[in-house]
């Protein structure tokens, strides 16, 4: 449905399965406890089938920070 996108603070590539408006509405309607962290939001979106996460491309390293990790 969409070109791959990346979660900025995790380097996780994902694909939207539903229109952005529907996903935004879903996130807005999440309870406060579910929005405590980006991890929780992504977990909920994935469980509801709103996004697919590329499990082979998981990284916790921000590529922009690589020069500073030596």
PDB file of N, CA and C in Angstrom:
ATOM      1  N   UNK A   1       0.813  -1.193   0.000  1.00  0.00           N
ATOM      2  CA  UNK A   1       0.000   0.000   0.000  1.00  0.00           C
ATOM      3  C   UNK A   1       0.857   1.257   0.000  1.00  0.00           C
ATOM      4  N   UNK A   2       2.072   1.145   0.573  1.00  0.00           N
ATOM      5  CA  UNK A   2       2.918   2.326   0.607  1.00  0.00           C
ATOM      6  C   UNK A   2       4.368   1.918   0.421  1.00  0.00           C
ATOM      7  N   UNK A   3       5.189   2.895   0.106  1.00  0.00           N
ATOM      8  CA  UNK A   3       6.628   2.658   0.077  1.00  0.00           C
ATOM      9  C   UNK A   3       7.090   2.482   1.518  1.00  0.00           C
ATOM     10  N   UNK A   4       8.189   1.751   1.719  1.00  0.00           N
ATOM     11  CA  UNK A   4       8.683   1.595   3.098  1.00  0.00           C
ATOM     12  C   UNK A   4       8.977   2.952   3.726  1.00  0.00           C
ATOM     13  N   UNK A   5       8.689   3.042   5.002  1.00  0.00           N
ATOM     14  CA  UNK A   5       8.962   4.241   5.780  1.00  0.00           C
ATOM     15  C   UNK A   5       9.819   3.815   6.960  1.00  0.00           C
ATOM     16  N   UNK A   6      10.409   4.767   7.669  1.00  0.00           N
ATOM     17  CA  UNK A   6      11.265   4.460   8.798  1.00  0.00           C
ATOM     18  C   UNK A   6      10.782   5.186  10.043  1.00  0.00           C
ATOM     19  N   UNK A   7      10.875   4.496  11.164  1.00  0.00           N
ATOM     20  CA  UNK A   7      10.576   5.124  12.443  1.00  0.00           C
ATOM     21  C   UNK A   7      11.848   5.849  12.858  1.00  0.00           C
ATOM     22  N   UNK A   8      11.771   7.140  12.990  1.00  0.00           N
ATOM     23  CA  UNK A   8      12.955   7.982  13.171  1.00  0.00           C
ATOM     24  C   UNK A   8      13.826   7.563  14.347  1.00  0.00           C
ATOM     25  N   UNK A   9      13.258   7.294  15.490  1.00  0.00           N
ATOM     26  CA  UNK A   9      14.065   7.019  16.676  1.00  0.00           C
ATOM     27  C   UNK A   9      14.189   5.525  16.931  1.00  0.00           C
ATOM     28  N   UNK A  10      14.478   4.775  15.900  1.00  0.00           N
ATOM     29  CA  UNK A  10      14.691   3.355  16.083  1.00  0.00           C
ATOM     30  C   UNK A  10      15.214   2.693  14.835  1.00  0.00           C
ATOM     31  N   UNK A  11      15.121   3.390  13.727  1.00  0.00           N
ATOM     32  CA  UNK A  11      15.630   2.839  12.487  1.00  0.00           C
ATOM     33  C   UNK A  11      14.837   1.651  11.985  1.00  0.00           C
ATOM     34  N   UNK A  12      13.588   1.529  12.375  1.00  0.00           N
ATOM     35  CA  UNK A  12      12.767   0.392  11.994  1.00  0.00           C
ATOM     36  C   UNK A  12      12.018   0.712  10.708  1.00  0.00           C
ATOM     37  N   UNK A  13      12.185  -0.151   9.704  1.00  0.00           N
ATOM     38  CA  UNK A  13      11.470   0.052   8.448  1.00  0.00           C
ATOM     39  C   UNK A  13      10.098  -0.609   8.564  1.00  0.00           C
ATOM     40  N   UNK A  14       9.072   0.104   8.101  1.00  0.00           N
ATOM     41  CA  UNK A  14       7.717  -0.437   8.148  1.00  0.00           C
ATOM     42  C   UNK A  14       6.947  -0.011   6.904  1.00  0.00           C
ATOM     43  N   UNK A  15       5.853  -0.726   6.656  1.00  0.00           N
ATOM     44  CA  UNK A  15       4.973  -0.434   5.532  1.00  0.00           C
ATOM     45  C   UNK A  15       3.565  -0.221   6.070  1.00  0.00           C
ATOM     46  N   UNK A  16       2.916   0.824   5.573  1.00  0.00           N
ATOM     47  CA  UNK A  16       1.532   1.098   5.974  1.00  0.00           C
ATOM     48  C   UNK A  16       0.596   0.108   5.283  1.00  0.00           C
ATOM     49  N   UNK A  17      -0.341  -0.440   6.038  1.00  0.00           N
ATOM     50  CA  UNK A  17      -1.366  -1.317   5.474  1.00  0.00           C
ATOM     51  C   UNK A  17      -2.700  -0.605   5.321  1.00  0.00           C
ATOM     52  N   UNK A  18      -2.797   0.561   5.905  1.00  0.00           N
ATOM     53  CA  UNK A  18      -4.020   1.355   5.867  1.00  0.00           C
ATOM     54  C   UNK A  18      -3.628   2.795   5.565  1.00  0.00           C
ATOM     55  N   UNK A  19      -4.574   3.622   5.155  1.00  0.00           N
ATOM     56  CA  UNK A  19      -4.264   5.032   4.884  1.00  0.00           C
ATOM     57  C   UNK A  19      -3.734   5.741   6.138  1.00  0.00           C
ATOM     58  N   UNK A  20      -2.874   6.726   5.910  1.00  0.00           N
ATOM     59  CA  UNK A  20      -2.281   7.475   7.029  1.00  0.00           C
ATOM     60  C   UNK A  20      -3.339   8.085   7.943  1.00  0.00           C
ATOM     61  N   UNK A  21      -4.427   8.577   7.367  1.00  0.00           N
ATOM     62  CA  UNK A  21      -5.491   9.191   8.173  1.00  0.00           C
ATOM     63  C   UNK A  21      -6.065   8.189   9.173  1.00  0.00           C
ATOM     64  N   UNK A  22      -6.256   6.953   8.729  1.00  0.00           N
ATOM     65  CA  UNK A  22      -6.811   5.919   9.614  1.00  0.00           C
ATOM     66  C   UNK A  22      -5.823   5.584  10.731  1.00  0.00           C
ATOM     67  N   UNK A  23      -4.551   5.504  10.380  1.00  0.00           N
ATOM     68  CA  UNK A  23      -3.524   5.206  11.384  1.00  0.00           C
ATOM     69  C   UNK A  23      -3.421   6.354  12.382  1.00  0.00           C
ATOM     70  N   UNK A  24      -3.432   7.589  11.900  1.00  0.00           N
ATOM     71  CA  UNK A  24      -3.382   8.743  12.807  1.00  0.00           C
ATOM     72  C   UNK A  24      -4.567   8.757  13.757  1.00  0.00           C
ATOM     73  N   UNK A  25      -5.736   8.448  13.249  1.00  0.00           N
ATOM     74  CA  UNK A  25      -6.944   8.404  14.092  1.00  0.00           C
ATOM     75  C   UNK A  25      -6.799   7.315  15.163  1.00  0.00           C
ATOM     76  N   UNK A  26      -6.290   6.146  14.762  1.00  0.00           N
ATOM     77  CA  UNK A  26      -6.091   5.047  15.702  1.00  0.00           C
ATOM     78  C   UNK A  26      -5.141   5.472  16.827  1.00  0.00           C
ATOM     79  N   UNK A  27      -4.037   6.115  16.471  1.00  0.00           N
ATOM     80  CA  UNK A  27      -3.059   6.542  17.476  1.00  0.00           C
ATOM     81  C   UNK A  27      -3.659   7.607  18.381  1.00  0.00           C
ATOM     82  N   UNK A  28      -4.401   8.546  17.818  1.00  0.00           N
ATOM     83  CA  UNK A  28      -5.046   9.587  18.644  1.00  0.00           C
ATOM     84  C   UNK A  28      -5.988   8.967  19.668  1.00  0.00           C
ATOM     85  N   UNK A  29      -6.660   7.871  19.285  1.00  0.00           N
ATOM     86  CA  UNK A  29      -7.640   7.247  20.164  1.00  0.00           C
ATOM     87  C   UNK A  29      -7.037   6.267  21.168  1.00  0.00           C
ATOM     88  N   UNK A  30      -5.740   5.998  21.063  1.00  0.00           N
ATOM     89  CA  UNK A  30      -5.096   5.121  22.041  1.00  0.00           C
ATOM     90  C   UNK A  30      -5.129   5.765  23.415  1.00  0.00           C
ATOM     91  N   UNK A  31      -5.240   4.952  24.436  1.00  0.00           N
ATOM     92  CA  UNK A  31      -5.200   5.471  25.796  1.00  0.00           C
ATOM     93  C   UNK A  31      -3.807   5.979  26.142  1.00  0.00           C
ATOM     94  N   UNK A  32      -3.715   6.823  27.158  1.00  0.00           N
ATOM     95  CA  UNK A  32      -2.427   7.403  27.543  1.00  0.00           C
ATOM     96  C   UNK A  32      -1.348   6.359  27.838  1.00  0.00           C
ATOM     97  N   UNK A  33      -1.703   5.259  28.463  1.00  0.00           N
ATOM     98  CA  UNK A  33      -0.719   4.226  28.793  1.00  0.00           C
ATOM     99  C   UNK A  33      -0.134   3.591  27.535  1.00  0.00           C
ATOM    100  N   UNK A  34      -0.905   3.544  26.479  1.00  0.00           N
ATOM    101  CA  UNK A  34      -0.442   2.960  25.220  1.00  0.00           C
ATOM    102  C   UNK A  34       0.423   3.929  24.429  1.00  0.00           C
ATOM    103  N   UNK A  35       0.413   5.199  24.825  1.00  0.00           N
ATOM    104  CA  UNK A  35       1.208   6.200  24.125  1.00  0.00           C
ATOM    105  C   UNK A  35       2.414   6.654  24.943  1.00  0.00           C
ATOM    106  N   UNK A  36       2.756   5.905  25.986  1.00  0.00           N
ATOM    107  CA  UNK A  36       3.901   6.263  26.830  1.00  0.00           C
ATOM    108  C   UNK A  36       5.216   6.188  26.083  1.00  0.00           C
ATOM    109  N   UNK A  37       5.286   5.290  25.096  1.00  0.00           N
ATOM    110  CA  UNK A  37       6.539   5.142  24.365  1.00  0.00           C
ATOM    111  C   UNK A  37       6.260   4.811  22.907  1.00  0.00           C
ATOM    112  N   UNK A  38       7.230   5.113  22.076  1.00  0.00           N
ATOM    113  CA  UNK A  38       7.122   4.785  20.664  1.00  0.00           C
ATOM    114  C   UNK A  38       6.992   3.281  20.481  1.00  0.00           C
ATOM    115  N   UNK A  39       7.684   2.516  21.314  1.00  0.00           N
ATOM    116  CA  UNK A  39       7.587   1.059  21.258  1.00  0.00           C
ATOM    117  C   UNK A  39       6.149   0.592  21.422  1.00  0.00           C
ATOM    118  N   UNK A  40       5.449   1.146  22.398  1.00  0.00           N
ATOM    119  CA  UNK A  40       4.060   0.755  22.640  1.00  0.00           C
ATOM    120  C   UNK A  40       3.161   1.095  21.455  1.00  0.00           C
ATOM    121  N   UNK A  41       3.355   2.270  20.868  1.00  0.00           N
ATOM    122  CA  UNK A  41       2.543   2.679  19.715  1.00  0.00           C
ATOM    123  C   UNK A  41       2.787   1.738  18.545  1.00  0.00           C
ATOM    124  N   UNK A  42       4.053   1.449  18.245  1.00  0.00           N
ATOM    125  CA  UNK A  42       4.379   0.549  17.138  1.00  0.00           C
ATOM    126  C   UNK A  42       3.807  -0.840  17.400  1.00  0.00           C
ATOM    127  N   UNK A  43       3.923  -1.298  18.628  1.00  0.00           N
ATOM    128  CA  UNK A  43       3.386  -2.622  18.993  1.00  0.00           C
ATOM    129  C   UNK A  43       1.882  -2.679  18.727  1.00  0.00           C
ATOM    130  N   UNK A  44       1.149  -1.655  19.126  1.00  0.00           N
ATOM    131  CA  UNK A  44      -0.293  -1.616  18.907  1.00  0.00           C
ATOM    132  C   UNK A  44      -0.634  -1.566  17.414  1.00  0.00           C
ATOM    133  N   UNK A  45       0.069  -0.730  16.671  1.00  0.00           N
ATOM    134  CA  UNK A  45      -0.180  -0.634  15.227  1.00  0.00           C
ATOM    135  C   UNK A  45       0.066  -1.975  14.547  1.00  0.00           C
ATOM    136  N   UNK A  46       1.121  -2.637  14.962  1.00  0.00           N
ATOM    137  CA  UNK A  46       1.461  -3.942  14.372  1.00  0.00           C
ATOM    138  C   UNK A  46       0.419  -5.001  14.749  1.00  0.00           C
ATOM    139  N   UNK A  47       0.030  -5.044  16.004  1.00  0.00           N
ATOM    140  CA  UNK A  47      -0.951  -6.035  16.451  1.00  0.00           C
ATOM    141  C   UNK A  47      -2.297  -5.863  15.756  1.00  0.00           C
ATOM    142  N   UNK A  48      -2.639  -4.626  15.438  1.00  0.00           N
ATOM    143  CA  UNK A  48      -3.912  -4.356  14.767  1.00  0.00           C
ATOM    144  C   UNK A  48      -3.820  -4.521  13.253  1.00  0.00           C
ATOM    145  N   UNK A  49      -2.620  -4.836  12.751  1.00  0.00           N
ATOM    146  CA  UNK A  49      -2.448  -5.042  11.319  1.00  0.00           C
ATOM    147  C   UNK A  49      -2.417  -3.763  10.501  1.00  0.00           C
ATOM    148  N   UNK A  50      -2.206  -2.637  11.177  1.00  0.00           N
ATOM    149  CA  UNK A  50      -2.180  -1.354  10.477  1.00  0.00           C
ATOM    150  C   UNK A  50      -0.840  -1.095   9.795  1.00  0.00           C
ATOM    151  N   UNK A  51       0.220  -1.723  10.319  1.00  0.00           N
ATOM    152  CA  UNK A  51       1.538  -1.636   9.699  1.00  0.00           C
ATOM    153  C   UNK A  51       2.184  -3.014   9.707  1.00  0.00           C
ATOM    154  N   UNK A  52       3.123  -3.210   8.794  1.00  0.00           N
ATOM    155  CA  UNK A  52       4.003  -4.379   8.806  1.00  0.00           C
ATOM    156  C   UNK A  52       5.394  -3.868   9.091  1.00  0.00           C
ATOM    157  N   UNK A  53       6.087  -4.531  10.007  1.00  0.00           N
ATOM    158  CA  UNK A  53       7.448  -4.155  10.365  1.00  0.00           C
ATOM    159  C   UNK A  53       8.404  -5.132   9.711  1.00  0.00           C
ATOM    160  N   UNK A  54       9.446  -4.614   9.092  1.00  0.00           N
ATOM    161  CA  UNK A  54      10.462  -5.440   8.454  1.00  0.00           C
ATOM    162  C   UNK A  54      11.386  -5.971   9.545  1.00  0.00           C
ATOM    163  N   UNK A  55      11.129  -7.196   9.999  1.00  0.00           N
ATOM    164  CA  UNK A  55      11.901  -7.793  11.095  1.00  0.00           C
ATOM    165  C   UNK A  55      13.368  -7.990  10.744  1.00  0.00           C
ATOM    166  N   UNK A  56      13.693  -8.092   9.468  1.00  0.00           N
ATOM    167  CA  UNK A  56      15.078  -8.306   9.073  1.00  0.00           C
ATOM    168  C   UNK A  56      15.875  -7.012   9.091  1.00  0.00           C
ATOM    169  N   UNK A  57      15.203  -5.901   9.207  1.00  0.00           N
ATOM    170  CA  UNK A  57      15.879  -4.604   9.140  1.00  0.00           C
ATOM    171  C   UNK A  57      15.847  -3.878  10.487  1.00  0.00           C
ATOM    172  N   UNK A  58      15.661  -4.615  11.580  1.00  0.00           N
ATOM    173  CA  UNK A  58      15.598  -3.977  12.892  1.00  0.00           C
ATOM    174  C   UNK A  58      16.980  -3.512  13.320  1.00  0.00           C
ATOM    175  N   UNK A  59      17.049  -2.312  13.809  1.00  0.00           N
ATOM    176  CA  UNK A  59      18.306  -1.749  14.278  1.00  0.00           C
ATOM    177  C   UNK A  59      18.006  -0.732  15.355  1.00  0.00           C
ATOM    178  N   UNK A  60      18.819  -0.722  16.366  1.00  0.00           N
ATOM    179  CA  UNK A  60      18.653   0.292  17.401  1.00  0.00           C
ATOM    180  C   UNK A  60      19.686   1.393  17.238  1.00  0.00           C
ATOM    181  N   UNK A  61      20.486   1.298  16.179  1.00  0.00           N
ATOM    182  CA  UNK A  61      21.525   2.283  15.934  1.00  0.00           C
ATOM    183  C   UNK A  61      21.026   3.310  14.933  1.00  0.00           C
ATOM    184  N   UNK A  62      21.136   4.554  15.300  1.00  0.00           N
ATOM    185  CA  UNK A  62      20.797   5.652  14.414  1.00  0.00           C
ATOM    186  C   UNK A  62      21.982   5.861  13.482  1.00  0.00           C
ATOM    187  N   UNK A  63      21.791   5.642  12.177  1.00  0.00           N
ATOM    188  CA  UNK A  63      22.887   5.764  11.218  1.00  0.00           C
ATOM    189  C   UNK A  63      23.590   7.115  11.294  1.00  0.00           C
ATOM    190  N   UNK A  64      22.869   8.148  11.646  1.00  0.00           N
ATOM    191  CA  UNK A  64      23.468   9.478  11.748  1.00  0.00           C
ATOM    192  C   UNK A  64      24.472   9.551  12.900  1.00  0.00           C
ATOM    193  N   UNK A  65      24.366   8.632  13.844  1.00  0.00           N
ATOM    194  CA  UNK A  65      25.249   8.644  14.997  1.00  0.00           C
ATOM    195  C   UNK A  65      26.478   7.749  14.827  1.00  0.00           C
ATOM    196  N   UNK A  66      26.557   6.970  13.750  1.00  0.00           N
ATOM    197  CA  UNK A  66      27.668   6.042  13.571  1.00  0.00           C
ATOM    198  C   UNK A  66      29.046   6.682  13.722  1.00  0.00           C
ATOM    199  N   UNK A  67      29.290   7.865  13.172  1.00  0.00           N
ATOM    200  CA  UNK A  67      30.623   8.460  13.340  1.00  0.00           C
ATOM    201  C   UNK A  67      31.002   8.717  14.803  1.00  0.00           C
ATOM    202  N   UNK A  68      30.023   8.838  15.675  1.00  0.00           N
ATOM    203  CA  UNK A  68      30.294   9.154  17.063  1.00  0.00           C
ATOM    204  C   UNK A  68      30.366   7.926  17.952  1.00  0.00           C
ATOM    205  N   UNK A  69      30.157   6.732  17.387  1.00  0.00           N
ATOM    206  CA  UNK A  69      30.123   5.502  18.182  1.00  0.00           C
ATOM    207  C   UNK A  69      31.457   4.778  18.245  1.00  0.00           C
ATOM    208  N   UNK A  70      32.516   5.422  17.821  1.00  0.00           N
ATOM    209  CA  UNK A  70      33.840   4.769  17.827  1.00  0.00           C
ATOM    210  C   UNK A  70      34.596   5.045  19.086  1.00  0.00           C
TER     211      UNK A  70
END
